[in-house]
Amino acid sequence: MIGALNEGKVKAPWIIDGYCNSEIFDAYVENVLVPVFKPGQTIVLDNASFYKSARTKNLIENIECKILFLSPYSPDLNPIEKF
């Protein structure tokens, strides 16, 4: 499942069978995410490589939204790594 959170609510859910890659994520952004986002909103993504395609960037910027990538994963910042 791919989805978005907006104001604490799940938005734009999309169920896929199998794994995600750039092609699948681009289709999600174009067909599911873009229609529900408004200009000026920020889309926060982790650092999965398939989020970083030029197509994803263009689709999001064309609706006047911004992309914010989270910092790279650090076990020092994740309390569960201490167990």
PDB file of N, CA and C in Angstrom:
ATOM      1  N   MET A   1       0.845  -1.177   0.000  1.00  0.00           N
ATOM      2  CA  MET A   1       0.000   0.000   0.000  1.00  0.00           C
ATOM      3  C   MET A   1       0.884   1.232   0.000  1.00  0.00           C
ATOM      4  N   ILE A   2       0.515   2.166  -0.807  1.00  0.00           N
ATOM      5  CA  ILE A   2       1.146   3.481  -0.829  1.00  0.00           C
ATOM      6  C   ILE A   2       0.056   4.464  -0.409  1.00  0.00           C
ATOM      7  N   GLY A   3       0.420   5.438   0.388  1.00  0.00           N
ATOM      8  CA  GLY A   3      -0.573   6.407   0.811  1.00  0.00           C
ATOM      9  C   GLY A   3       0.086   7.674   1.316  1.00  0.00           C
ATOM     10  N   ALA A   4      -0.725   8.624   1.662  1.00  0.00           N
ATOM     11  CA  ALA A   4      -0.246   9.900   2.177  1.00  0.00           C
ATOM     12  C   ALA A   4      -1.021  10.238   3.441  1.00  0.00           C
ATOM     13  N   LEU A   5      -0.378  10.977   4.320  1.00  0.00           N
ATOM     14  CA  LEU A   5      -1.045  11.521   5.497  1.00  0.00           C
ATOM     15  C   LEU A   5      -1.173  13.019   5.306  1.00  0.00           C
ATOM     16  N   ASN A   6      -2.352  13.528   5.580  1.00  0.00           N
ATOM     17  CA  ASN A   6      -2.592  14.959   5.473  1.00  0.00           C
ATOM     18  C   ASN A   6      -3.514  15.337   6.615  1.00  0.00           C
ATOM     19  N   GLU A   7      -3.004  16.187   7.505  1.00  0.00           N
ATOM     20  CA  GLU A   7      -3.764  16.608   8.680  1.00  0.00           C
ATOM     21  C   GLU A   7      -4.257  15.410   9.481  1.00  0.00           C
ATOM     22  N   GLY A   8      -3.395  14.397   9.613  1.00  0.00           N
ATOM     23  CA  GLY A   8      -3.712  13.221  10.413  1.00  0.00           C
ATOM     24  C   GLY A   8      -4.642  12.220   9.763  1.00  0.00           C
ATOM     25  N   LYS A   9      -4.981  12.430   8.514  1.00  0.00           N
ATOM     26  CA  LYS A   9      -5.894  11.522   7.815  1.00  0.00           C
ATOM     27  C   LYS A   9      -5.183  10.876   6.633  1.00  0.00           C
ATOM     28  N   VAL A  10      -5.517   9.618   6.379  1.00  0.00           N
ATOM     29  CA  VAL A  10      -4.956   8.926   5.222  1.00  0.00           C
ATOM     30  C   VAL A  10      -5.604   9.480   3.959  1.00  0.00           C
ATOM     31  N   LYS A  11      -4.768   9.870   3.033  1.00  0.00           N
ATOM     32  CA  LYS A  11      -5.224  10.396   1.742  1.00  0.00           C
ATOM     33  C   LYS A  11      -4.560   9.584   0.637  1.00  0.00           C
ATOM     34  N   ALA A  12      -5.196   9.493  -0.462  1.00  0.00           N
ATOM     35  CA  ALA A  12      -4.640   8.903  -1.673  1.00  0.00           C
ATOM     36  C   ALA A  12      -4.090   7.490  -1.474  1.00  0.00           C
ATOM     37  N   PRO A  13      -4.856   6.593  -0.851  1.00  0.00           N
ATOM     38  CA  PRO A  13      -4.345   5.225  -0.702  1.00  0.00           C
ATOM     39  C   PRO A  13      -4.343   4.497  -2.048  1.00  0.00           C
ATOM     40  N   TRP A  14      -3.356   3.658  -2.227  1.00  0.00           N
ATOM     41  CA  TRP A  14      -3.237   2.881  -3.465  1.00  0.00           C
ATOM     42  C   TRP A  14      -2.599   1.551  -3.125  1.00  0.00           C
ATOM     43  N   ILE A  15      -3.255   0.483  -3.470  1.00  0.00           N
ATOM     44  CA  ILE A  15      -2.747  -0.856  -3.171  1.00  0.00           C
ATOM     45  C   ILE A  15      -2.104  -1.428  -4.422  1.00  0.00           C
ATOM     46  N   ILE A  16      -0.893  -1.930  -4.245  1.00  0.00           N
ATOM     47  CA  ILE A  16      -0.186  -2.570  -5.347  1.00  0.00           C
ATOM     48  C   ILE A  16       0.104  -4.014  -4.970  1.00  0.00           C
ATOM     49  N   ASP A  17       0.257  -4.842  -5.959  1.00  0.00           N
ATOM     50  CA  ASP A  17       0.606  -6.245  -5.743  1.00  0.00           C
ATOM     51  C   ASP A  17       2.087  -6.398  -6.038  1.00  0.00           C
ATOM     52  N   GLY A  18       2.882  -6.603  -5.012  1.00  0.00           N
ATOM     53  CA  GLY A  18       4.319  -6.746  -5.208  1.00  0.00           C
ATOM     54  C   GLY A  18       5.077  -5.567  -4.631  1.00  0.00           C
ATOM     55  N   TYR A  19       6.190  -5.282  -5.240  1.00  0.00           N
ATOM     56  CA  TYR A  19       7.082  -4.248  -4.736  1.00  0.00           C
ATOM     57  C   TYR A  19       6.884  -2.934  -5.496  1.00  0.00           C
ATOM     58  N   CYS A  20       7.486  -1.889  -4.965  1.00  0.00           N
ATOM     59  CA  CYS A  20       7.389  -0.577  -5.598  1.00  0.00           C
ATOM     60  C   CYS A  20       8.715  -0.256  -6.285  1.00  0.00           C
ATOM     61  N   ASN A  21       8.631   0.434  -7.406  1.00  0.00           N
ATOM     62  CA  ASN A  21       9.810   0.937  -8.104  1.00  0.00           C
ATOM     63  C   ASN A  21       9.464   2.316  -8.660  1.00  0.00           C
ATOM     64  N   SER A  22      10.385   2.912  -9.377  1.00  0.00           N
ATOM     65  CA  SER A  22      10.156   4.272  -9.894  1.00  0.00           C
ATOM     66  C   SER A  22       8.934   4.353 -10.797  1.00  0.00           C
ATOM     67  N   GLU A  23       8.771   3.372 -11.660  1.00  0.00           N
ATOM     68  CA  GLU A  23       7.644   3.390 -12.596  1.00  0.00           C
ATOM     69  C   GLU A  23       6.305   3.335 -11.855  1.00  0.00           C
ATOM     70  N   ILE A  24       6.212   2.465 -10.871  1.00  0.00           N
ATOM     71  CA  ILE A  24       4.976   2.338 -10.087  1.00  0.00           C
ATOM     72  C   ILE A  24       4.739   3.604  -9.267  1.00  0.00           C
ATOM     73  N   PHE A  25       5.789   4.117  -8.627  1.00  0.00           N
ATOM     74  CA  PHE A  25       5.617   5.311  -7.810  1.00  0.00           C
ATOM     75  C   PHE A  25       5.238   6.518  -8.662  1.00  0.00           C
ATOM     76  N   ASP A  26       5.839   6.650  -9.839  1.00  0.00           N
ATOM     77  CA  ASP A  26       5.468   7.749 -10.733  1.00  0.00           C
ATOM     78  C   ASP A  26       3.995   7.662 -11.129  1.00  0.00           C
ATOM     79  N   ALA A  27       3.520   6.447 -11.410  1.00  0.00           N
ATOM     80  CA  ALA A  27       2.097   6.264 -11.753  1.00  0.00           C
ATOM     81  C   ALA A  27       1.215   6.657 -10.575  1.00  0.00           C
ATOM     82  N   TYR A  28       1.631   6.296  -9.362  1.00  0.00           N
ATOM     83  CA  TYR A  28       0.887   6.678  -8.158  1.00  0.00           C
ATOM     84  C   TYR A  28       0.825   8.201  -8.029  1.00  0.00           C
ATOM     85  N   VAL A  29       1.976   8.844  -8.158  1.00  0.00           N
ATOM     86  CA  VAL A  29       2.016  10.302  -8.024  1.00  0.00           C
ATOM     87  C   VAL A  29       1.102  10.957  -9.058  1.00  0.00           C
ATOM     88  N   GLU A  30       1.217  10.529 -10.308  1.00  0.00           N
ATOM     89  CA  GLU A  30       0.448  11.157 -11.389  1.00  0.00           C
ATOM     90  C   GLU A  30      -1.054  10.916 -11.272  1.00  0.00           C
ATOM     91  N   ASN A  31      -1.443   9.688 -10.954  1.00  0.00           N
ATOM     92  CA  ASN A  31      -2.860   9.314 -11.016  1.00  0.00           C
ATOM     93  C   ASN A  31      -3.610   9.392  -9.694  1.00  0.00           C
ATOM     94  N   VAL A  32      -2.890   9.338  -8.578  1.00  0.00           N
ATOM     95  CA  VAL A  32      -3.558   9.283  -7.277  1.00  0.00           C
ATOM     96  C   VAL A  32      -3.182  10.469  -6.388  1.00  0.00           C
ATOM     97  N   LEU A  33      -1.903  10.768  -6.283  1.00  0.00           N
ATOM     98  CA  LEU A  33      -1.460  11.810  -5.354  1.00  0.00           C
ATOM     99  C   LEU A  33      -1.722  13.226  -5.880  1.00  0.00           C
ATOM    100  N   VAL A  34      -1.334  13.485  -7.118  1.00  0.00           N
ATOM    101  CA  VAL A  34      -1.489  14.829  -7.691  1.00  0.00           C
ATOM    102  C   VAL A  34      -2.925  15.351  -7.584  1.00  0.00           C
ATOM    103  N   PRO A  35      -3.942  14.547  -7.870  1.00  0.00           N
ATOM    104  CA  PRO A  35      -5.310  15.075  -7.793  1.00  0.00           C
ATOM    105  C   PRO A  35      -5.765  15.520  -6.393  1.00  0.00           C
ATOM    106  N   VAL A  36      -5.114  15.039  -5.328  1.00  0.00           N
ATOM    107  CA  VAL A  36      -5.584  15.397  -3.983  1.00  0.00           C
ATOM    108  C   VAL A  36      -4.737  16.464  -3.298  1.00  0.00           C
ATOM    109  N   PHE A  37      -3.584  16.788  -3.853  1.00  0.00           N
ATOM    110  CA  PHE A  37      -2.751  17.803  -3.225  1.00  0.00           C
ATOM    111  C   PHE A  37      -3.037  19.176  -3.803  1.00  0.00           C
ATOM    112  N   LYS A  38      -2.780  20.184  -2.986  1.00  0.00           N
ATOM    113  CA  LYS A  38      -3.038  21.567  -3.370  1.00  0.00           C
ATOM    114  C   LYS A  38      -1.712  22.321  -3.473  1.00  0.00           C
ATOM    115  N   PRO A  39      -1.642  23.341  -4.313  1.00  0.00           N
ATOM    116  CA  PRO A  39      -0.420  24.138  -4.411  1.00  0.00           C
ATOM    117  C   PRO A  39       0.029  24.634  -3.041  1.00  0.00           C
ATOM    118  N   GLY A  40       1.338  24.604  -2.840  1.00  0.00           N
ATOM    119  CA  GLY A  40       1.914  25.081  -1.589  1.00  0.00           C
ATOM    120  C   GLY A  40       2.136  24.005  -0.546  1.00  0.00           C
ATOM    121  N   GLN A  41       1.573  22.822  -0.745  1.00  0.00           N
ATOM    122  CA  GLN A  41       1.774  21.756   0.225  1.00  0.00           C
ATOM    123  C   GLN A  41       3.161  21.139   0.040  1.00  0.00           C
ATOM    124  N   THR A  42       3.660  20.528   1.104  1.00  0.00           N
ATOM    125  CA  THR A  42       4.956  19.865   1.075  1.00  0.00           C
ATOM    126  C   THR A  42       4.746  18.367   1.176  1.00  0.00           C
ATOM    127  N   ILE A  43       5.406  17.645   0.308  1.00  0.00           N
ATOM    128  CA  ILE A  43       5.337  16.188   0.297  1.00  0.00           C
ATOM    129  C   ILE A  43       6.640  15.681   0.899  1.00  0.00           C
ATOM    130  N   VAL A  44       6.539  14.961   2.008  1.00  0.00           N
ATOM    131  CA  VAL A  44       7.703  14.458   2.729  1.00  0.00           C
ATOM    132  C   VAL A  44       7.918  13.000   2.342  1.00  0.00           C
ATOM    133  N   LEU A  45       9.134  12.694   1.925  1.00  0.00           N
ATOM    134  CA  LEU A  45       9.474  11.340   1.492  1.00  0.00           C
ATOM    135  C   LEU A  45      10.734  10.875   2.205  1.00  0.00           C
ATOM    136  N   ASP A  46      10.843   9.557   2.400  1.00  0.00           N
ATOM    137  CA  ASP A  46      12.110   9.050   2.912  1.00  0.00           C
ATOM    138  C   ASP A  46      13.090   8.958   1.744  1.00  0.00           C
ATOM    139  N   ASN A  47      14.191   8.277   1.932  1.00  0.00           N
ATOM    140  CA  ASN A  47      15.239   8.284   0.920  1.00  0.00           C
ATOM    141  C   ASN A  47      15.256   7.055   0.029  1.00  0.00           C
ATOM    142  N   ALA A  48      14.125   6.397  -0.144  1.00  0.00           N
ATOM    143  CA  ALA A  48      14.072   5.273  -1.080  1.00  0.00           C
ATOM    144  C   ALA A  48      14.432   5.794  -2.473  1.00  0.00           C
ATOM    145  N   SER A  49      15.252   5.053  -3.175  1.00  0.00           N
ATOM    146  CA  SER A  49      15.749   5.533  -4.469  1.00  0.00           C
ATOM    147  C   SER A  49      14.632   5.772  -5.476  1.00  0.00           C
ATOM    148  N   PHE A  50      13.542   5.002  -5.387  1.00  0.00           N
ATOM    149  CA  PHE A  50      12.483   5.165  -6.385  1.00  0.00           C
ATOM    150  C   PHE A  50      11.671   6.440  -6.199  1.00  0.00           C
ATOM    151  N   TYR A  51      11.865   7.169  -5.110  1.00  0.00           N
ATOM    152  CA  TYR A  51      11.198   8.462  -4.931  1.00  0.00           C
ATOM    153  C   TYR A  51      11.920   9.586  -5.666  1.00  0.00           C
ATOM    154  N   LYS A  52      13.122   9.321  -6.124  1.00  0.00           N
ATOM    155  CA  LYS A  52      13.987  10.395  -6.603  1.00  0.00           C
ATOM    156  C   LYS A  52      14.061  10.510  -8.121  1.00  0.00           C
ATOM    157  N   SER A  53      13.074  10.006  -8.813  1.00  0.00           N
ATOM    158  CA  SER A  53      13.105  10.107 -10.276  1.00  0.00           C
ATOM    159  C   SER A  53      12.800  11.541 -10.713  1.00  0.00           C
ATOM    160  N   ALA A  54      13.309  11.893 -11.875  1.00  0.00           N
ATOM    161  CA  ALA A  54      13.033  13.222 -12.433  1.00  0.00           C
ATOM    162  C   ALA A  54      11.540  13.390 -12.693  1.00  0.00           C
ATOM    163  N   ARG A  55      10.880  12.319 -13.081  1.00  0.00           N
ATOM    164  CA  ARG A  55       9.432  12.386 -13.357  1.00  0.00           C
ATOM    165  C   ARG A  55       8.657  12.719 -12.084  1.00  0.00           C
ATOM    166  N   THR A  56       8.984  12.056 -10.976  1.00  0.00           N
ATOM    167  CA  THR A  56       8.328  12.355  -9.698  1.00  0.00           C
ATOM    168  C   THR A  56       8.520  13.828  -9.348  1.00  0.00           C
ATOM    169  N   LYS A  57       9.751  14.293  -9.455  1.00  0.00           N
ATOM    170  CA  LYS A  57      10.055  15.693  -9.135  1.00  0.00           C
ATOM    171  C   LYS A  57       9.227  16.637 -10.008  1.00  0.00           C
ATOM    172  N   ASN A  58       9.187  16.377 -11.297  1.00  0.00           N
ATOM    173  CA  ASN A  58       8.430  17.245 -12.210  1.00  0.00           C
ATOM    174  C   ASN A  58       6.934  17.224 -11.923  1.00  0.00           C
ATOM    175  N   LEU A  59       6.381  16.040 -11.669  1.00  0.00           N
ATOM    176  CA  LEU A  59       4.946  15.936 -11.384  1.00  0.00           C
ATOM    177  C   LEU A  59       4.570  16.749 -10.151  1.00  0.00           C
ATOM    178  N   ILE A  60       5.393  16.655  -9.119  1.00  0.00           N
ATOM    179  CA  ILE A  60       5.100  17.359  -7.867  1.00  0.00           C
ATOM    180  C   ILE A  60       5.313  18.865  -8.025  1.00  0.00           C
ATOM    181  N   GLU A  61       6.390  19.245  -8.681  1.00  0.00           N
ATOM    182  CA  GLU A  61       6.646  20.677  -8.873  1.00  0.00           C
ATOM    183  C   GLU A  61       5.626  21.322  -9.808  1.00  0.00           C
ATOM    184  N   ASN A  62       5.093  20.571 -10.756  1.00  0.00           N
ATOM    185  CA  ASN A  62       4.088  21.118 -11.678  1.00  0.00           C
ATOM    186  C   ASN A  62       2.780  21.490 -10.981  1.00  0.00           C
ATOM    187  N   ILE A  63       2.514  20.900  -9.818  1.00  0.00           N
ATOM    188  CA  ILE A  63       1.322  21.288  -9.053  1.00  0.00           C
ATOM    189  C   ILE A  63       1.687  22.267  -7.935  1.00  0.00           C
ATOM    190  N   GLU A  64       2.902  22.837  -8.055  1.00  0.00           N
ATOM    191  CA  GLU A  64       3.390  23.855  -7.129  1.00  0.00           C
ATOM    192  C   GLU A  64       3.482  23.358  -5.694  1.00  0.00           C
ATOM    193  N   CYS A  65       3.867  22.103  -5.548  1.00  0.00           N
ATOM    194  CA  CYS A  65       4.158  21.538  -4.233  1.00  0.00           C
ATOM    195  C   CYS A  65       5.666  21.380  -4.096  1.00  0.00           C
ATOM    196  N   LYS A  66       6.107  21.185  -2.873  1.00  0.00           N
ATOM    197  CA  LYS A  66       7.530  21.003  -2.599  1.00  0.00           C
ATOM    198  C   LYS A  66       7.772  19.575  -2.134  1.00  0.00           C
ATOM    199  N   ILE A  67       8.989  19.112  -2.354  1.00  0.00           N
ATOM    200  CA  ILE A  67       9.415  17.801  -1.863  1.00  0.00           C
ATOM    201  C   ILE A  67      10.420  18.036  -0.748  1.00  0.00           C
ATOM    202  N   LEU A  68      10.239  17.338   0.357  1.00  0.00           N
ATOM    203  CA  LEU A  68      11.193  17.372   1.463  1.00  0.00           C
ATOM    204  C   LEU A  68      11.610  15.939   1.742  1.00  0.00           C
ATOM    205  N   PHE A  69      12.890  15.644   1.554  1.00  0.00           N
ATOM    206  CA  PHE A  69      13.392  14.312   1.854  1.00  0.00           C
ATOM    207  C   PHE A  69      13.853  14.269   3.304  1.00  0.00           C
ATOM    208  N   LEU A  70      13.482  13.207   4.003  1.00  0.00           N
ATOM    209  CA  LEU A  70      13.932  13.016   5.375  1.00  0.00           C
ATOM    210  C   LEU A  70      15.438  12.815   5.395  1.00  0.00           C
ATOM    211  N   SER A  71      16.040  13.064   6.540  1.00  0.00           N
ATOM    212  CA  SER A  71      17.464  12.793   6.695  1.00  0.00           C
ATOM    213  C   SER A  71      17.714  11.308   6.500  1.00  0.00           C
ATOM    214  N   PRO A  72      18.914  10.950   6.049  1.00  0.00           N
ATOM    215  CA  PRO A  72      19.225   9.520   5.931  1.00  0.00           C
ATOM    216  C   PRO A  72      19.050   8.820   7.274  1.00  0.00           C
ATOM    217  N   TYR A  73      18.743   7.544   7.220  1.00  0.00           N
ATOM    218  CA  TYR A  73      18.510   6.759   8.428  1.00  0.00           C
ATOM    219  C   TYR A  73      19.750   6.746   9.305  1.00  0.00           C
ATOM    220  N   SER A  74      19.541   6.904  10.582  1.00  0.00           N
ATOM    221  CA  SER A  74      20.630   6.813  11.543  1.00  0.00           C
ATOM    222  C   SER A  74      20.174   5.977  12.726  1.00  0.00           C
ATOM    223  N   PRO A  75      20.845   4.844  12.991  1.00  0.00           N
ATOM    224  CA  PRO A  75      20.457   4.042  14.157  1.00  0.00           C
ATOM    225  C   PRO A  75      20.606   4.819  15.462  1.00  0.00           C
ATOM    226  N   ASP A  76      21.478   5.837  15.475  1.00  0.00           N
ATOM    227  CA  ASP A  76      21.657   6.649  16.681  1.00  0.00           C
ATOM    228  C   ASP A  76      20.410   7.464  17.005  1.00  0.00           C
ATOM    229  N   LEU A  77      19.587   7.744  16.007  1.00  0.00           N
ATOM    230  CA  LEU A  77      18.389   8.552  16.222  1.00  0.00           C
ATOM    231  C   LEU A  77      17.129   7.714  16.386  1.00  0.00           C
ATOM    232  N   ASN A  78      17.267   6.408  16.335  1.00  0.00           N
ATOM    233  CA  ASN A  78      16.117   5.515  16.422  1.00  0.00           C
ATOM    234  C   ASN A  78      16.194   4.716  17.720  1.00  0.00           C
ATOM    235  N   PRO A  79      15.367   5.049  18.720  1.00  0.00           N
ATOM    236  CA  PRO A  79      15.445   4.390  20.027  1.00  0.00           C
ATOM    237  C   PRO A  79      15.310   2.872  19.968  1.00  0.00           C
ATOM    238  N   ILE A  80      14.602   2.329  19.004  1.00  0.00           N
ATOM    239  CA  ILE A  80      14.418   0.883  18.958  1.00  0.00           C
ATOM    240  C   ILE A  80      15.739   0.156  18.709  1.00  0.00           C
ATOM    241  N   GLU A  81      16.716   0.835  18.148  1.00  0.00           N
ATOM    242  CA  GLU A  81      18.012   0.221  17.875  1.00  0.00           C
ATOM    243  C   GLU A  81      18.798  -0.038  19.156  1.00  0.00           C
ATOM    244  N   LYS A  82      18.349   0.494  20.274  1.00  0.00           N
ATOM    245  CA  LYS A  82      19.061   0.312  21.537  1.00  0.00           C
ATOM    246  C   LYS A  82      18.697  -1.001  22.229  1.00  0.00           C
ATOM    247  N   PHE A  83      17.712  -1.745  21.708  1.00  0.00           N
ATOM    248  CA  PHE A  83      17.285  -2.994  22.341  1.00  0.00           C
ATOM    249  C   PHE A  83      17.986  -4.183  21.762  1.00  0.00           C
TER     250      PHE A  83
END
